[in-house]
Amino acid sequence: GAGMIERILQWFRVAVPAPDAGSASVQVGCHFEEVLEMAESLGDEELRCSLLAAAAGYKARLDWCVDALANLRPQDRVALCDALCDQIVTAVGVGYMLGFDMQAAMAEVMRSNESKFEYGAAVFNDSGKIAKGRFYTPPDLSGCVGG
């Protein structure tokens, strides 16, 4: 619920205390990577290839995306916020429909994300993405998915 969203926001506040269009652009790329992982988990090769092409196109136009994010019109900011909220809702809905314990899964994913930090600070890769630090431990979601 709201407590988990606050926990996620706090993780980002520590990792990126002064976000800008560049860091937002990196995060958009991370978001697309997660959609690609979803397609891969479903075994849909056609969708995976389409998303790979889209991700490559996004990375090739990174400067454009930074500029676009820095100059969003108010109505586009509202539409983007709506789309992101809808994605959160539909992601939880997919998990629910498949019998996943989404609350426990999110807690485990956040535990893992928090383990990426080194001595309380985020570590970044060359692309500006939050990387897995030396203390990272992957999430164990086996108890959250049933079946």
C-alpha atoms as a PDB file:
ATOM      1  CA  GLY A   1       0.000   0.000   0.000  1.00  0.00           C
ATOM      2  CA  ALA A   2       1.007   3.584   0.635  1.00  0.00           C
ATOM      3  CA  GLY A   3       3.711   2.399   3.037  1.00  0.00           C
ATOM      4  CA  MET A   4       5.428   0.465   0.271  1.00  0.00           C
ATOM      5  CA  ILE A   5       5.241   3.393  -2.125  1.00  0.00           C
ATOM      6  CA  GLU A   6       6.829   5.603   0.538  1.00  0.00           C
ATOM      7  CA  ARG A   7       9.576   3.003   1.042  1.00  0.00           C
ATOM      8  CA  ILE A   8      10.266   2.968  -2.707  1.00  0.00           C
ATOM      9  CA  LEU A   9      10.277   6.773  -2.855  1.00  0.00           C
ATOM     10  CA  GLN A  10      12.677   6.965   0.098  1.00  0.00           C
ATOM     11  CA  TRP A  11      15.033   4.514  -1.657  1.00  0.00           C
ATOM     12  CA  PHE A  12      15.042   6.782  -4.718  1.00  0.00           C
ATOM     13  CA  ARG A  13      15.473   9.935  -2.588  1.00  0.00           C
ATOM     14  CA  VAL A  14      18.637   8.453  -1.101  1.00  0.00           C
ATOM     15  CA  ALA A  15      19.888   7.137  -4.455  1.00  0.00           C
ATOM     16  CA  VAL A  16      19.137  10.268  -6.491  1.00  0.00           C
ATOM     17  CA  PRO A  17      18.609  13.252  -4.170  1.00  0.00           C
ATOM     18  CA  ALA A  18      18.407  15.812  -6.999  1.00  0.00           C
ATOM     19  CA  PRO A  19      16.654  14.120  -9.952  1.00  0.00           C
ATOM     20  CA  ASP A  20      16.636  15.884 -13.300  1.00  0.00           C
ATOM     21  CA  ALA A  21      15.584  15.071 -16.863  1.00  0.00           C
ATOM     22  CA  GLY A  22      18.732  12.980 -17.329  1.00  0.00           C
ATOM     23  CA  SER A  23      18.078  10.771 -14.317  1.00  0.00           C
ATOM     24  CA  ALA A  24      14.405  10.544 -15.315  1.00  0.00           C
ATOM     25  CA  SER A  25      15.469   9.395 -18.769  1.00  0.00           C
ATOM     26  CA  VAL A  26      17.634   6.654 -17.260  1.00  0.00           C
ATOM     27  CA  GLN A  27      14.668   5.563 -15.130  1.00  0.00           C
ATOM     28  CA  VAL A  28      12.402   5.412 -18.194  1.00  0.00           C
ATOM     29  CA  GLY A  29      14.975   3.075 -19.734  1.00  0.00           C
ATOM     30  CA  CYS A  30      14.960   0.921 -16.593  1.00  0.00           C
ATOM     31  CA  HIS A  31      11.169   0.793 -16.742  1.00  0.00           C
ATOM     32  CA  PHE A  32      11.279  -0.412 -20.352  1.00  0.00           C
ATOM     33  CA  GLU A  33      13.845  -3.081 -19.354  1.00  0.00           C
ATOM     34  CA  GLU A  34      11.374  -4.447 -16.798  1.00  0.00           C
ATOM     35  CA  VAL A  35       8.640  -4.656 -19.448  1.00  0.00           C
ATOM     36  CA  LEU A  36      11.102  -6.601 -21.602  1.00  0.00           C
ATOM     37  CA  GLU A  37      11.770  -8.972 -18.676  1.00  0.00           C
ATOM     38  CA  MET A  38       8.015  -9.538 -18.394  1.00  0.00           C
ATOM     39  CA  ALA A  39       7.804 -10.493 -22.074  1.00  0.00           C
ATOM     40  CA  GLU A  40      10.788 -12.823 -21.651  1.00  0.00           C
ATOM     41  CA  SER A  41       9.144 -14.516 -18.643  1.00  0.00           C
ATOM     42  CA  LEU A  42       6.042 -15.168 -20.756  1.00  0.00           C
ATOM     43  CA  GLY A  43       8.136 -16.820 -23.457  1.00  0.00           C
ATOM     44  CA  ASP A  44       6.751 -14.530 -26.163  1.00  0.00           C
ATOM     45  CA  GLU A  45       9.614 -14.318 -28.654  1.00  0.00           C
ATOM     46  CA  GLU A  46       7.817 -11.943 -31.028  1.00  0.00           C
ATOM     47  CA  LEU A  47       6.992  -9.507 -28.234  1.00  0.00           C
ATOM     48  CA  ARG A  48      10.523  -9.838 -26.841  1.00  0.00           C
ATOM     49  CA  CYS A  49      12.033  -8.931 -30.227  1.00  0.00           C
ATOM     50  CA  SER A  50       9.688  -5.954 -30.616  1.00  0.00           C
ATOM     51  CA  LEU A  51      10.550  -4.683 -27.150  1.00  0.00           C
ATOM     52  CA  LEU A  52      14.281  -5.192 -27.756  1.00  0.00           C
ATOM     53  CA  ALA A  53      13.989  -3.059 -30.885  1.00  0.00           C
ATOM     54  CA  ALA A  54      12.049  -0.408 -28.959  1.00  0.00           C
ATOM     55  CA  ALA A  55      14.654  -0.408 -26.166  1.00  0.00           C
ATOM     56  CA  ALA A  56      17.468  -0.030 -28.705  1.00  0.00           C
ATOM     57  CA  GLY A  57      15.595   2.836 -30.345  1.00  0.00           C
ATOM     58  CA  TYR A  58      15.126   4.507 -26.968  1.00  0.00           C
ATOM     59  CA  LYS A  59      18.823   4.216 -26.097  1.00  0.00           C
ATOM     60  CA  ALA A  60      19.782   5.595 -29.517  1.00  0.00           C
ATOM     61  CA  ARG A  61      17.593   8.654 -28.849  1.00  0.00           C
ATOM     62  CA  LEU A  62      18.537   9.241 -25.217  1.00  0.00           C
ATOM     63  CA  ASP A  63      19.305  12.928 -25.787  1.00  0.00           C
ATOM     64  CA  TRP A  64      15.884  13.404 -27.354  1.00  0.00           C
ATOM     65  CA  CYS A  65      14.224  11.725 -24.360  1.00  0.00           C
ATOM     66  CA  VAL A  66      16.098  13.906 -21.860  1.00  0.00           C
ATOM     67  CA  ASP A  67      14.933  16.981 -23.767  1.00  0.00           C
ATOM     68  CA  ALA A  68      11.367  15.661 -24.041  1.00  0.00           C
ATOM     69  CA  LEU A  69      11.184  14.929 -20.301  1.00  0.00           C
ATOM     70  CA  ALA A  70      12.627  18.344 -19.448  1.00  0.00           C
ATOM     71  CA  ASN A  71      10.000  20.062 -21.575  1.00  0.00           C
ATOM     72  CA  LEU A  72       6.797  18.129 -20.934  1.00  0.00           C
ATOM     73  CA  ARG A  73       3.679  20.254 -21.272  1.00  0.00           C
ATOM     74  CA  PRO A  74       1.401  20.303 -18.197  1.00  0.00           C
ATOM     75  CA  GLN A  75      -1.215  18.096 -19.892  1.00  0.00           C
ATOM     76  CA  ASP A  76       1.490  15.594 -20.880  1.00  0.00           C
ATOM     77  CA  ARG A  77       2.773  15.502 -17.291  1.00  0.00           C
ATOM     78  CA  VAL A  78      -0.782  14.630 -16.178  1.00  0.00           C
ATOM     79  CA  ALA A  79      -1.089  11.939 -18.874  1.00  0.00           C
ATOM     80  CA  LEU A  80       2.307  10.454 -17.939  1.00  0.00           C
ATOM     81  CA  CYS A  81       1.415  10.394 -14.249  1.00  0.00           C
ATOM     82  CA  ASP A  82      -1.881   8.671 -15.110  1.00  0.00           C
ATOM     83  CA  ALA A  83      -0.109   6.069 -17.260  1.00  0.00           C
ATOM     84  CA  LEU A  84       2.440   5.319 -14.526  1.00  0.00           C
ATOM     85  CA  CYS A  85      -0.323   4.915 -11.917  1.00  0.00           C
ATOM     86  CA  ASP A  86      -2.259   2.652 -14.266  1.00  0.00           C
ATOM     87  CA  GLN A  87       0.883   0.556 -14.801  1.00  0.00           C
ATOM     88  CA  ILE A  88       1.267   0.080 -11.051  1.00  0.00           C
ATOM     89  CA  VAL A  89      -2.395  -0.946 -10.754  1.00  0.00           C
ATOM     90  CA  THR A  90      -2.268  -3.334 -13.705  1.00  0.00           C
ATOM     91  CA  ALA A  91       1.021  -4.870 -12.511  1.00  0.00           C
ATOM     92  CA  VAL A  92      -0.530  -5.636  -9.126  1.00  0.00           C
ATOM     93  CA  GLY A  93      -3.612  -6.935 -10.942  1.00  0.00           C
ATOM     94  CA  VAL A  94      -1.589  -9.375 -13.058  1.00  0.00           C
ATOM     95  CA  GLY A  95       0.097 -10.671  -9.919  1.00  0.00           C
ATOM     96  CA  TYR A  96      -3.262 -11.011  -8.174  1.00  0.00           C
ATOM     97  CA  MET A  97      -4.788 -12.874 -11.120  1.00  0.00           C
ATOM     98  CA  LEU A  98      -1.891 -15.356 -11.006  1.00  0.00           C
ATOM     99  CA  GLY A  99      -2.135 -15.855  -7.240  1.00  0.00           C
ATOM    100  CA  PHE A 100       1.103 -14.045  -6.376  1.00  0.00           C
ATOM    101  CA  ASP A 101       1.564 -12.538  -2.912  1.00  0.00           C
ATOM    102  CA  MET A 102       2.388  -9.090  -4.260  1.00  0.00           C
ATOM    103  CA  GLN A 103       2.823  -7.456  -0.852  1.00  0.00           C
ATOM    104  CA  ALA A 104       5.410 -10.010   0.228  1.00  0.00           C
ATOM    105  CA  ALA A 105       7.038  -9.898  -3.213  1.00  0.00           C
ATOM    106  CA  MET A 106       7.376  -6.111  -3.121  1.00  0.00           C
ATOM    107  CA  ALA A 107       8.856  -6.257   0.370  1.00  0.00           C
ATOM    108  CA  GLU A 108      11.424  -8.807  -0.835  1.00  0.00           C
ATOM    109  CA  VAL A 109      12.253  -6.794  -3.964  1.00  0.00           C
ATOM    110  CA  MET A 110      12.772  -3.678  -1.850  1.00  0.00           C
ATOM    111  CA  ARG A 111      14.956  -5.626   0.585  1.00  0.00           C
ATOM    112  CA  SER A 112      17.051  -6.661  -2.398  1.00  0.00           C
ATOM    113  CA  ASN A 113      17.115  -3.124  -3.841  1.00  0.00           C
ATOM    114  CA  GLU A 114      18.238  -1.760  -0.494  1.00  0.00           C
ATOM    115  CA  SER A 115      21.108  -4.273  -0.509  1.00  0.00           C
ATOM    116  CA  LYS A 116      22.463  -2.588  -3.673  1.00  0.00           C
ATOM    117  CA  PHE A 117      23.650   0.402  -1.637  1.00  0.00           C
ATOM    118  CA  GLU A 118      27.186   0.494  -0.277  1.00  0.00           C
ATOM    119  CA  TYR A 119      27.477   2.150   3.125  1.00  0.00           C
ATOM    120  CA  GLY A 120      24.138   3.903   2.655  1.00  0.00           C
ATOM    121  CA  ALA A 121      24.844   5.274  -0.822  1.00  0.00           C
ATOM    122  CA  ALA A 122      23.794   4.181  -4.277  1.00  0.00           C
ATOM    123  CA  VAL A 123      26.347   2.829  -6.725  1.00  0.00           C
ATOM    124  CA  PHE A 124      25.896   3.775 -10.392  1.00  0.00           C
ATOM    125  CA  ASN A 125      27.076   2.110 -13.601  1.00  0.00           C
ATOM    126  CA  ASP A 126      28.483   3.978 -16.599  1.00  0.00           C
ATOM    127  CA  SER A 127      24.965   4.548 -17.960  1.00  0.00           C
ATOM    128  CA  GLY A 128      23.823   6.276 -14.767  1.00  0.00           C
ATOM    129  CA  LYS A 129      21.709   3.314 -13.678  1.00  0.00           C
ATOM    130  CA  ILE A 130      21.700   2.220 -10.037  1.00  0.00           C
ATOM    131  CA  ALA A 131      23.979  -0.806  -9.967  1.00  0.00           C
ATOM    132  CA  LYS A 132      24.309  -3.818  -7.704  1.00  0.00           C
ATOM    133  CA  GLY A 133      26.876  -2.948  -5.068  1.00  0.00           C
ATOM    134  CA  ARG A 134      29.182  -5.394  -3.330  1.00  0.00           C
ATOM    135  CA  PHE A 135      26.577  -6.257  -0.665  1.00  0.00           C
ATOM    136  CA  TYR A 136      23.773  -7.005  -3.157  1.00  0.00           C
ATOM    137  CA  THR A 137      21.634 -10.086  -2.645  1.00  0.00           C
ATOM    138  CA  PRO A 138      18.971 -10.962  -5.227  1.00  0.00           C
ATOM    139  CA  PRO A 139      15.336 -11.236  -4.235  1.00  0.00           C
ATOM    140  CA  ASP A 140      13.982 -14.688  -3.425  1.00  0.00           C
ATOM    141  CA  LEU A 141      10.415 -14.648  -4.702  1.00  0.00           C
ATOM    142  CA  SER A 142       9.915 -18.402  -4.700  1.00  0.00           C
ATOM    143  CA  GLY A 143       7.613 -18.189  -1.662  1.00  0.00           C
ATOM    144  CA  CYS A 144       5.493 -15.430  -3.240  1.00  0.00           C
ATOM    145  CA  VAL A 145       4.339 -17.076  -6.455  1.00  0.00           C
ATOM    146  CA  GLY A 146       2.469 -20.193  -5.284  1.00  0.00           C
ATOM    147  CA  GLY A 147       2.010 -23.220  -7.549  1.00  0.00           C
END
